């Protein structure tokens, strides 16, 4: 019974992580588009956009690796 509970719990955790990552990715894409619109208006440089992009990508990969090892 305990193993069954653990497997079910693991699936739930994976789903939650997956949906959180998906939502974060969608939010990031929205922010990235906004940043590019601002950069056209010279309020935000493209360097900041790419830096934000890199930070987000590394964060998502880190989250995935940590959740895999848990």
Protein backbone atom coordinates (compact mmCIF):
# COMPACT_ATOMS: atom_id res chain seq x y z
CA UNK A 1 0.00 0.00 0.00
CA UNK A 2 2.84 2.38 0.86
CA UNK A 3 4.61 1.77 -2.47
CA UNK A 4 1.34 2.36 -4.30
CA UNK A 5 0.89 5.65 -2.41
CA UNK A 6 4.48 6.68 -3.21
CA UNK A 7 4.09 5.97 -6.93
CA UNK A 8 0.81 7.91 -7.05
CA UNK A 9 2.43 10.76 -5.08
CA UNK A 10 5.42 10.82 -7.45
CA UNK A 11 3.11 11.09 -10.47
CA UNK A 12 1.27 14.01 -8.84
CA UNK A 13 4.57 15.78 -8.07
CA UNK A 14 5.76 15.28 -11.66
CA UNK A 15 2.47 16.64 -13.04
CA UNK A 16 2.61 19.68 -10.74
CA UNK A 17 6.23 20.36 -11.74
CA UNK A 18 5.39 19.91 -15.44
CA UNK A 19 2.44 22.31 -15.29
CA UNK A 20 4.43 24.84 -13.22
CA UNK A 21 7.25 24.72 -15.78
CA UNK A 22 4.72 25.08 -18.63
CA UNK A 23 3.05 28.09 -17.00
CA UNK A 24 6.45 29.66 -16.26
CA UNK A 25 7.51 29.08 -19.88
CA UNK A 26 4.32 30.71 -21.22
CA UNK A 27 4.77 33.65 -18.83
CA UNK A 28 8.40 33.95 -19.93
CA UNK A 29 7.44 33.94 -23.63
CA UNK A 30 4.96 36.73 -22.92
CA UNK A 31 7.63 38.71 -21.04
CA UNK A 32 10.16 38.06 -23.83
CA UNK A 33 7.72 39.42 -26.44
CA UNK A 34 7.00 42.45 -24.27
CA UNK A 35 10.73 43.02 -23.82
CA UNK A 36 11.27 42.92 -27.60
CA UNK A 37 8.43 45.40 -28.11
CA UNK A 38 10.07 47.68 -25.53
CA UNK A 39 13.49 47.25 -27.16
CA UNK A 40 12.00 48.56 -30.41
CA UNK A 41 10.99 51.63 -28.38
CA UNK A 42 14.57 51.74 -26.96
CA UNK A 43 13.32 51.16 -23.40
CA UNK A 44 14.85 47.70 -23.12
CA UNK A 45 18.06 46.44 -24.72
CA UNK A 46 18.20 43.13 -26.56
CA UNK A 47 21.11 42.10 -24.30
CA UNK A 48 18.79 42.22 -21.28
CA UNK A 49 16.29 40.07 -23.21
CA UNK A 50 18.87 37.39 -24.01
CA UNK A 51 20.20 37.47 -20.43
CA UNK A 52 16.66 36.98 -19.10
CA UNK A 53 16.20 34.15 -21.61
CA UNK A 54 19.39 32.39 -20.47
CA UNK A 55 18.47 32.75 -16.79
CA UNK A 56 15.01 31.32 -17.41
CA UNK A 57 16.35 28.37 -19.44
CA UNK A 58 18.95 27.48 -16.77
CA UNK A 59 16.30 27.79 -14.04
CA UNK A 60 13.93 25.42 -15.86
CA UNK A 61 16.72 22.88 -16.52
CA UNK A 62 17.83 23.12 -12.88
CA UNK A 63 14.27 22.54 -11.66
CA UNK A 64 13.92 19.51 -13.97
CA UNK A 65 17.25 18.00 -12.85
CA UNK A 66 16.48 18.54 -9.14
CA UNK A 67 12.97 17.09 -9.49
CA UNK A 68 14.43 14.04 -11.29
CA UNK A 69 16.90 13.37 -8.46
CA UNK A 70 14.33 13.82 -5.68
